[in-house]
Amino acid sequence: MIPPPAQRMMAERAGSTVVETAGSHAVYVSRPQAIADLIEQAATAQ
């Protein structure tokens, strides 16, 4: 597992947009609406 601080540093270095939400390891199961909203946002971004 890559520690979250290292993930944040790599995302920043790559110029990525990061969204964090509380949830279990399988966040797509524990927070499906948050994931659906994020996918919709990414799909409609310009």
PDB file of N, CA and C in Angstrom:
ATOM      1  N   MET A   1       0.835  -1.166   0.000  1.00  0.00           N
ATOM      2  CA  MET A   1       0.000   0.000   0.000  1.00  0.00           C
ATOM      3  C   MET A   1       0.884   1.236   0.000  1.00  0.00           C
ATOM      4  N   ILE A   2       0.485   2.196  -0.769  1.00  0.00           N
ATOM      5  CA  ILE A   2       1.200   3.476  -0.785  1.00  0.00           C
ATOM      6  C   ILE A   2       0.557   4.361   0.284  1.00  0.00           C
ATOM      7  N   PRO A   3       1.339   4.881   1.210  1.00  0.00           N
ATOM      8  CA  PRO A   3       0.776   5.722   2.274  1.00  0.00           C
ATOM      9  C   PRO A   3       0.079   6.960   1.684  1.00  0.00           C
ATOM     10  N   PRO A   4      -1.036   7.375   2.274  1.00  0.00           N
ATOM     11  CA  PRO A   4      -1.763   8.531   1.750  1.00  0.00           C
ATOM     12  C   PRO A   4      -0.913   9.783   1.529  1.00  0.00           C
ATOM     13  N   PRO A   5       0.014  10.139   2.443  1.00  0.00           N
ATOM     14  CA  PRO A   5       0.834  11.323   2.156  1.00  0.00           C
ATOM     15  C   PRO A   5       1.647  11.178   0.866  1.00  0.00           C
ATOM     16  N   ALA A   6       2.141   9.981   0.603  1.00  0.00           N
ATOM     17  CA  ALA A   6       2.897   9.754  -0.625  1.00  0.00           C
ATOM     18  C   ALA A   6       1.969   9.825  -1.839  1.00  0.00           C
ATOM     19  N   GLN A   7       0.753   9.311  -1.715  1.00  0.00           N
ATOM     20  CA  GLN A   7      -0.216   9.399  -2.800  1.00  0.00           C
ATOM     21  C   GLN A   7      -0.535  10.859  -3.114  1.00  0.00           C
ATOM     22  N   ARG A   8      -0.732  11.662  -2.069  1.00  0.00           N
ATOM     23  CA  ARG A   8      -1.024  13.089  -2.272  1.00  0.00           C
ATOM     24  C   ARG A   8       0.141  13.790  -2.968  1.00  0.00           C
ATOM     25  N   MET A   9       1.369  13.470  -2.556  1.00  0.00           N
ATOM     26  CA  MET A   9       2.544  14.096  -3.166  1.00  0.00           C
ATOM     27  C   MET A   9       2.642  13.719  -4.642  1.00  0.00           C
ATOM     28  N   MET A  10       2.414  12.444  -4.963  1.00  0.00           N
ATOM     29  CA  MET A  10       2.485  12.007  -6.355  1.00  0.00           C
ATOM     30  C   MET A  10       1.372  12.642  -7.188  1.00  0.00           C
ATOM     31  N   ALA A  11       0.187  12.768  -6.615  1.00  0.00           N
ATOM     32  CA  ALA A  11      -0.925  13.394  -7.335  1.00  0.00           C
ATOM     33  C   ALA A  11      -0.625  14.862  -7.606  1.00  0.00           C
ATOM     34  N   GLU A  12      -0.063  15.544  -6.616  1.00  0.00           N
ATOM     35  CA  GLU A  12       0.285  16.956  -6.803  1.00  0.00           C
ATOM     36  C   GLU A  12       1.355  17.095  -7.880  1.00  0.00           C
ATOM     37  N   ARG A  13       2.339  16.238  -7.841  1.00  0.00           N
ATOM     38  CA  ARG A  13       3.425  16.281  -8.827  1.00  0.00           C
ATOM     39  C   ARG A  13       2.892  16.033 -10.244  1.00  0.00           C
ATOM     40  N   ALA A  14       1.850  15.203 -10.348  1.00  0.00           N
ATOM     41  CA  ALA A  14       1.264  14.897 -11.653  1.00  0.00           C
ATOM     42  C   ALA A  14       0.246  15.943 -12.086  1.00  0.00           C
ATOM     43  N   GLY A  15      -0.074  16.894 -11.207  1.00  0.00           N
ATOM     44  CA  GLY A  15      -1.056  17.919 -11.542  1.00  0.00           C
ATOM     45  C   GLY A  15      -2.480  17.393 -11.513  1.00  0.00           C
ATOM     46  N   SER A  16      -2.708  16.351 -10.738  1.00  0.00           N
ATOM     47  CA  SER A  16      -4.031  15.719 -10.660  1.00  0.00           C
ATOM     48  C   SER A  16      -4.965  16.490  -9.732  1.00  0.00           C
ATOM     49  N   THR A  17      -6.244  16.294  -9.960  1.00  0.00           N
ATOM     50  CA  THR A  17      -7.259  16.785  -9.039  1.00  0.00           C
ATOM     51  C   THR A  17      -7.598  15.639  -8.114  1.00  0.00           C
ATOM     52  N   VAL A  18      -7.560  15.885  -6.818  1.00  0.00           N
ATOM     53  CA  VAL A  18      -7.789  14.841  -5.825  1.00  0.00           C
ATOM     54  C   VAL A  18      -9.050  15.146  -5.047  1.00  0.00           C
ATOM     55  N   VAL A  19      -9.860  14.120  -4.849  1.00  0.00           N
ATOM     56  CA  VAL A  19     -11.059  14.224  -4.028  1.00  0.00           C
ATOM     57  C   VAL A  19     -10.957  13.161  -2.955  1.00  0.00           C
ATOM     58  N   GLU A  20     -11.141  13.552  -1.717  1.00  0.00           N
ATOM     59  CA  GLU A  20     -11.085  12.597  -0.620  1.00  0.00           C
ATOM     60  C   GLU A  20     -12.442  12.527   0.056  1.00  0.00           C
ATOM     61  N   THR A  21     -12.819  11.332   0.474  1.00  0.00           N
ATOM     62  CA  THR A  21     -14.057  11.131   1.201  1.00  0.00           C
ATOM     63  C   THR A  21     -13.840  10.019   2.215  1.00  0.00           C
ATOM     64  N   ALA A  22     -14.508  10.121   3.336  1.00  0.00           N
ATOM     65  CA  ALA A  22     -14.398   9.067   4.343  1.00  0.00           C
ATOM     66  C   ALA A  22     -15.133   7.831   3.844  1.00  0.00           C
ATOM     67  N   GLY A  23     -14.576   6.682   4.086  1.00  0.00           N
ATOM     68  CA  GLY A  23     -15.216   5.441   3.668  1.00  0.00           C
ATOM     69  C   GLY A  23     -14.318   4.261   3.952  1.00  0.00           C
ATOM     70  N   SER A  24     -14.811   3.093   3.645  1.00  0.00           N
ATOM     71  CA  SER A  24     -14.024   1.891   3.854  1.00  0.00           C
ATOM     72  C   SER A  24     -13.011   1.729   2.726  1.00  0.00           C
ATOM     73  N   HIS A  25     -12.275   0.638   2.773  1.00  0.00           N
ATOM     74  CA  HIS A  25     -11.291   0.344   1.719  1.00  0.00           C
ATOM     75  C   HIS A  25     -11.989   0.252   0.357  1.00  0.00           C
ATOM     76  N   ALA A  26     -13.200  -0.278   0.349  1.00  0.00           N
ATOM     77  CA  ALA A  26     -13.986  -0.385  -0.883  1.00  0.00           C
ATOM     78  C   ALA A  26     -14.961   0.794  -0.934  1.00  0.00           C
ATOM     79  N   VAL A  27     -14.418   1.990  -1.153  1.00  0.00           N
ATOM     80  CA  VAL A  27     -15.228   3.205  -1.090  1.00  0.00           C
ATOM     81  C   VAL A  27     -16.376   3.191  -2.098  1.00  0.00           C
ATOM     82  N   TYR A  28     -16.201   2.509  -3.211  1.00  0.00           N
ATOM     83  CA  TYR A  28     -17.265   2.433  -4.210  1.00  0.00           C
ATOM     84  C   TYR A  28     -18.462   1.652  -3.690  1.00  0.00           C
ATOM     85  N   VAL A  29     -18.275   0.835  -2.663  1.00  0.00           N
ATOM     86  CA  VAL A  29     -19.384   0.108  -2.043  1.00  0.00           C
ATOM     87  C   VAL A  29     -19.952   0.904  -0.874  1.00  0.00           C
ATOM     88  N   SER A  30     -19.071   1.504  -0.070  1.00  0.00           N
ATOM     89  CA  SER A  30     -19.535   2.215   1.122  1.00  0.00           C
ATOM     90  C   SER A  30     -20.049   3.617   0.823  1.00  0.00           C
ATOM     91  N   ARG A  31     -19.607   4.232  -0.277  1.00  0.00           N
ATOM     92  CA  ARG A  31     -20.035   5.596  -0.631  1.00  0.00           C
ATOM     93  C   ARG A  31     -20.365   5.688  -2.111  1.00  0.00           C
ATOM     94  N   PRO A  32     -21.337   4.900  -2.605  1.00  0.00           N
ATOM     95  CA  PRO A  32     -21.597   4.860  -4.043  1.00  0.00           C
ATOM     96  C   PRO A  32     -22.020   6.208  -4.634  1.00  0.00           C
ATOM     97  N   GLN A  33     -22.764   7.015  -3.895  1.00  0.00           N
ATOM     98  CA  GLN A  33     -23.203   8.294  -4.444  1.00  0.00           C
ATOM     99  C   GLN A  33     -22.031   9.244  -4.635  1.00  0.00           C
ATOM    100  N   ALA A  34     -21.108   9.251  -3.695  1.00  0.00           N
ATOM    101  CA  ALA A  34     -19.923  10.101  -3.831  1.00  0.00           C
ATOM    102  C   ALA A  34     -19.117   9.706  -5.065  1.00  0.00           C
ATOM    103  N   ILE A  35     -18.999   8.415  -5.319  1.00  0.00           N
ATOM    104  CA  ILE A  35     -18.259   7.935  -6.483  1.00  0.00           C
ATOM    105  C   ILE A  35     -19.000   8.291  -7.770  1.00  0.00           C
ATOM    106  N   ALA A  36     -20.314   8.090  -7.778  1.00  0.00           N
ATOM    107  CA  ALA A  36     -21.120   8.434  -8.965  1.00  0.00           C
ATOM    108  C   ALA A  36     -21.006   9.916  -9.270  1.00  0.00           C
ATOM    109  N   ASP A  37     -21.067  10.757  -8.233  1.00  0.00           N
ATOM    110  CA  ASP A  37     -20.933  12.202  -8.435  1.00  0.00           C
ATOM    111  C   ASP A  37     -19.570  12.560  -9.014  1.00  0.00           C
ATOM    112  N   LEU A  38     -18.526  11.914  -8.524  1.00  0.00           N
ATOM    113  CA  LEU A  38     -17.165  12.185  -9.002  1.00  0.00           C
ATOM    114  C   LEU A  38     -17.022  11.760 -10.467  1.00  0.00           C
ATOM    115  N   ILE A  39     -17.552  10.599 -10.810  1.00  0.00           N
ATOM    116  CA  ILE A  39     -17.480  10.134 -12.196  1.00  0.00           C
ATOM    117  C   ILE A  39     -18.234  11.085 -13.113  1.00  0.00           C
ATOM    118  N   GLU A  40     -19.408  11.531 -12.687  1.00  0.00           N
ATOM    119  CA  GLU A  40     -20.176  12.477 -13.503  1.00  0.00           C
ATOM    120  C   GLU A  40     -19.418  13.789 -13.668  1.00  0.00           C
ATOM    121  N   GLN A  41     -18.812  14.275 -12.593  1.00  0.00           N
ATOM    122  CA  GLN A  41     -18.037  15.511 -12.662  1.00  0.00           C
ATOM    123  C   GLN A  41     -16.871  15.357 -13.645  1.00  0.00           C
ATOM    124  N   ALA A  42     -16.174  14.244 -13.575  1.00  0.00           N
ATOM    125  CA  ALA A  42     -15.032  14.013 -14.474  1.00  0.00           C
ATOM    126  C   ALA A  42     -15.481  13.882 -15.916  1.00  0.00           C
ATOM    127  N   ALA A  43     -16.620  13.253 -16.135  1.00  0.00           N
ATOM    128  CA  ALA A  43     -17.112  13.040 -17.495  1.00  0.00           C
ATOM    129  C   ALA A  43     -17.582  14.326 -18.160  1.00  0.00           C
ATOM    130  N   THR A  44     -18.011  15.285 -17.352  1.00  0.00           N
ATOM    131  CA  THR A  44     -18.534  16.537 -17.922  1.00  0.00           C
ATOM    132  C   THR A  44     -17.552  17.698 -17.822  1.00  0.00           C
ATOM    133  N   ALA A  45     -16.361  17.448 -17.252  1.00  0.00           N
ATOM    134  CA  ALA A  45     -15.359  18.512 -17.120  1.00  0.00           C
ATOM    135  C   ALA A  45     -14.815  18.891 -18.488  1.00  0.00           C
ATOM    136  N   GLN A  46     -14.423  20.129 -18.601  1.00  0.00           N
ATOM    137  CA  GLN A  46     -13.874  20.619 -19.865  1.00  0.00           C
ATOM    138  C   GLN A  46     -12.409  20.813 -19.756  1.00  0.00           C
TER     139      GLN A  46
END
